[in-house]
Amino acid sequence: MSRLREAYRKAIKNVREQRLALPIEFHYDESEYVGERWHFILRDLKGFGQFQGESKRYRGF
């Protein structure tokens, strides 16, 4: 979980510093012994509601 949290925080930092538009994809690599790469999408709640075709609130998730 700590590696995922670190990748998540790094993605947020990049979005803020580079003023990127959401959604963006990010990933992190599991340990070298496992050899897996996990992919995620960082979205804002407003954009996610539009993606689903309806407006959502935080508690709706």
N, C-alpha and C. Protein backbone atom coordinates (compact mmCIF):
# COMPACT_ATOMS: atom_id res chain seq x y z
N MET A 1 0.82 -1.20 0.00
CA MET A 1 0.00 0.00 0.00
C MET A 1 0.86 1.26 0.00
N SER A 2 2.00 1.20 0.61
CA SER A 2 2.82 2.40 0.67
C SER A 2 3.33 2.79 -0.71
N ARG A 3 3.65 1.82 -1.56
CA ARG A 3 4.11 2.15 -2.92
C ARG A 3 2.98 2.74 -3.74
N LEU A 4 1.78 2.22 -3.57
CA LEU A 4 0.63 2.79 -4.27
C LEU A 4 0.37 4.21 -3.80
N ARG A 5 0.42 4.42 -2.50
CA ARG A 5 0.21 5.76 -1.94
C ARG A 5 1.27 6.74 -2.47
N GLU A 6 2.50 6.29 -2.56
CA GLU A 6 3.58 7.13 -3.08
C GLU A 6 3.35 7.47 -4.55
N ALA A 7 2.93 6.50 -5.35
CA ALA A 7 2.65 6.76 -6.77
C ALA A 7 1.47 7.71 -6.92
N TYR A 8 0.45 7.55 -6.08
CA TYR A 8 -0.72 8.43 -6.10
C TYR A 8 -0.32 9.87 -5.77
N ARG A 9 0.46 10.04 -4.72
CA ARG A 9 0.89 11.39 -4.33
C ARG A 9 1.79 12.01 -5.40
N LYS A 10 2.62 11.20 -6.04
CA LYS A 10 3.47 11.71 -7.11
C LYS A 10 2.62 12.16 -8.30
N ALA A 11 1.57 11.40 -8.62
CA ALA A 11 0.67 11.78 -9.72
C ALA A 11 -0.03 13.09 -9.41
N ILE A 12 -0.51 13.26 -8.19
CA ILE A 12 -1.17 14.51 -7.80
C ILE A 12 -0.19 15.67 -7.87
N LYS A 13 1.02 15.45 -7.40
CA LYS A 13 2.04 16.50 -7.45
C LYS A 13 2.31 16.93 -8.89
N ASN A 14 2.43 15.96 -9.81
CA ASN A 14 2.65 16.27 -11.22
C ASN A 14 1.50 17.06 -11.82
N VAL A 15 0.27 16.68 -11.47
CA VAL A 15 -0.91 17.40 -11.97
C VAL A 15 -0.88 18.84 -11.50
N ARG A 16 -0.57 19.05 -10.25
CA ARG A 16 -0.56 20.42 -9.71
C ARG A 16 0.58 21.25 -10.29
N GLU A 17 1.77 20.67 -10.37
CA GLU A 17 2.93 21.42 -10.85
C GLU A 17 2.82 21.73 -12.34
N GLN A 18 2.34 20.79 -13.12
CA GLN A 18 2.28 20.96 -14.57
C GLN A 18 0.91 21.43 -15.06
N ARG A 19 0.00 21.60 -14.11
CA ARG A 19 -1.37 22.06 -14.42
C ARG A 19 -2.01 21.19 -15.51
N LEU A 20 -1.95 19.89 -15.29
CA LEU A 20 -2.51 18.94 -16.25
C LEU A 20 -4.02 18.83 -16.05
N ALA A 21 -4.70 18.54 -17.12
CA ALA A 21 -6.15 18.33 -17.05
C ALA A 21 -6.43 16.88 -16.68
N LEU A 22 -7.37 16.68 -15.80
CA LEU A 22 -7.78 15.33 -15.42
C LEU A 22 -8.83 14.82 -16.38
N PRO A 23 -8.97 13.58 -16.60
CA PRO A 23 -8.29 12.46 -15.95
C PRO A 23 -6.92 12.19 -16.58
N ILE A 24 -6.03 11.63 -15.75
CA ILE A 24 -4.72 11.18 -16.23
C ILE A 24 -4.51 9.75 -15.75
N GLU A 25 -3.69 9.03 -16.47
CA GLU A 25 -3.33 7.67 -16.08
C GLU A 25 -1.99 7.71 -15.36
N PHE A 26 -1.86 6.84 -14.36
CA PHE A 26 -0.57 6.67 -13.71
C PHE A 26 -0.42 5.21 -13.36
N HIS A 27 0.78 4.82 -13.03
CA HIS A 27 1.03 3.42 -12.69
C HIS A 27 2.12 3.33 -11.63
N TYR A 28 2.22 2.18 -11.04
CA TYR A 28 3.37 1.89 -10.22
C TYR A 28 3.74 0.43 -10.40
N ASP A 29 5.02 0.16 -10.25
CA ASP A 29 5.52 -1.19 -10.42
C ASP A 29 5.60 -1.87 -9.06
N GLU A 30 5.03 -3.04 -9.00
CA GLU A 30 5.15 -3.86 -7.79
C GLU A 30 6.61 -4.29 -7.69
N SER A 31 6.98 -4.90 -6.61
CA SER A 31 8.38 -5.23 -6.38
C SER A 31 8.98 -5.99 -7.56
N GLU A 32 10.27 -5.93 -7.66
CA GLU A 32 10.95 -6.58 -8.79
C GLU A 32 10.76 -8.09 -8.78
N TYR A 33 10.45 -8.65 -7.64
CA TYR A 33 10.25 -10.09 -7.55
C TYR A 33 8.91 -10.52 -8.12
N VAL A 34 7.91 -9.68 -7.96
CA VAL A 34 6.58 -9.97 -8.48
C VAL A 34 6.50 -9.62 -9.96
N GLY A 35 7.09 -8.48 -10.32
CA GLY A 35 7.15 -8.07 -11.72
C GLY A 35 5.82 -7.62 -12.30
N GLU A 36 4.96 -7.03 -11.49
CA GLU A 36 3.66 -6.55 -11.98
C GLU A 36 3.65 -5.04 -12.05
N ARG A 37 2.91 -4.52 -13.00
CA ARG A 37 2.69 -3.07 -13.12
C ARG A 37 1.20 -2.84 -12.98
N TRP A 38 0.81 -1.98 -12.04
CA TRP A 38 -0.59 -1.66 -11.78
C TRP A 38 -0.90 -0.30 -12.40
N HIS A 39 -2.00 -0.23 -13.14
CA HIS A 39 -2.40 1.00 -13.84
C HIS A 39 -3.66 1.56 -13.19
N PHE A 40 -3.70 2.90 -13.07
CA PHE A 40 -4.83 3.59 -12.45
C PHE A 40 -5.16 4.85 -13.25
N ILE A 41 -6.34 5.39 -13.01
CA ILE A 41 -6.76 6.66 -13.60
C ILE A 41 -7.12 7.61 -12.46
N LEU A 42 -6.51 8.78 -12.48
CA LEU A 42 -6.79 9.82 -11.50
C LEU A 42 -7.82 10.75 -12.09
N ARG A 43 -8.99 10.82 -11.48
CA ARG A 43 -10.10 11.64 -11.98
C ARG A 43 -10.53 12.65 -10.91
N ASP A 44 -11.14 13.72 -11.36
CA ASP A 44 -11.82 14.62 -10.44
C ASP A 44 -13.28 14.16 -10.36
N LEU A 45 -13.93 14.44 -9.26
CA LEU A 45 -15.31 13.96 -9.07
C LEU A 45 -16.28 14.57 -10.07
N LYS A 46 -16.07 15.84 -10.38
CA LYS A 46 -16.97 16.50 -11.34
C LYS A 46 -16.84 15.85 -12.72
N GLY A 47 -15.63 15.61 -13.15
CA GLY A 47 -15.40 14.98 -14.43
C GLY A 47 -15.89 13.54 -14.48
N PHE A 48 -15.79 12.84 -13.37
CA PHE A 48 -16.26 11.46 -13.33
C PHE A 48 -17.76 11.41 -13.49
N GLY A 49 -18.47 12.34 -12.87
CA GLY A 49 -19.92 12.39 -13.03
C GLY A 49 -20.31 12.65 -14.48
N GLN A 50 -19.57 13.52 -15.16
CA GLN A 50 -19.85 13.80 -16.56
C GLN A 50 -19.54 12.58 -17.42
N PHE A 51 -18.51 11.84 -17.05
CA PHE A 51 -18.14 10.63 -17.78
C PHE A 51 -19.26 9.59 -17.70
N GLN A 52 -19.92 9.52 -16.56
CA GLN A 52 -20.99 8.56 -16.36
C GLN A 52 -22.33 9.06 -16.88
N GLY A 53 -22.41 10.32 -17.31
CA GLY A 53 -23.62 10.85 -17.89
C GLY A 53 -24.58 11.44 -16.87
N GLU A 54 -24.13 11.62 -15.65
CA GLU A 54 -24.97 12.24 -14.63
C GLU A 54 -24.08 12.94 -13.61
N SER A 55 -24.66 13.87 -12.89
CA SER A 55 -23.86 14.56 -11.88
C SER A 55 -23.84 13.72 -10.61
N LYS A 56 -22.68 13.65 -10.00
CA LYS A 56 -22.50 12.85 -8.78
C LYS A 56 -21.94 13.74 -7.69
N ARG A 57 -22.20 13.36 -6.50
CA ARG A 57 -21.58 14.00 -5.35
C ARG A 57 -20.64 13.01 -4.72
N TYR A 58 -19.77 13.51 -3.87
CA TYR A 58 -18.76 12.64 -3.25
C TYR A 58 -19.43 11.45 -2.53
N ARG A 59 -20.49 11.71 -1.79
CA ARG A 59 -21.14 10.65 -1.03
C ARG A 59 -21.83 9.62 -1.94
N GLY A 60 -22.04 9.98 -3.19
CA GLY A 60 -22.65 9.06 -4.13
C GLY A 60 -21.73 7.91 -4.54
N PHE A 61 -20.45 8.04 -4.24
CA PHE A 61 -19.50 6.99 -4.60
C PHE A 61 -19.36 6.07 -3.45
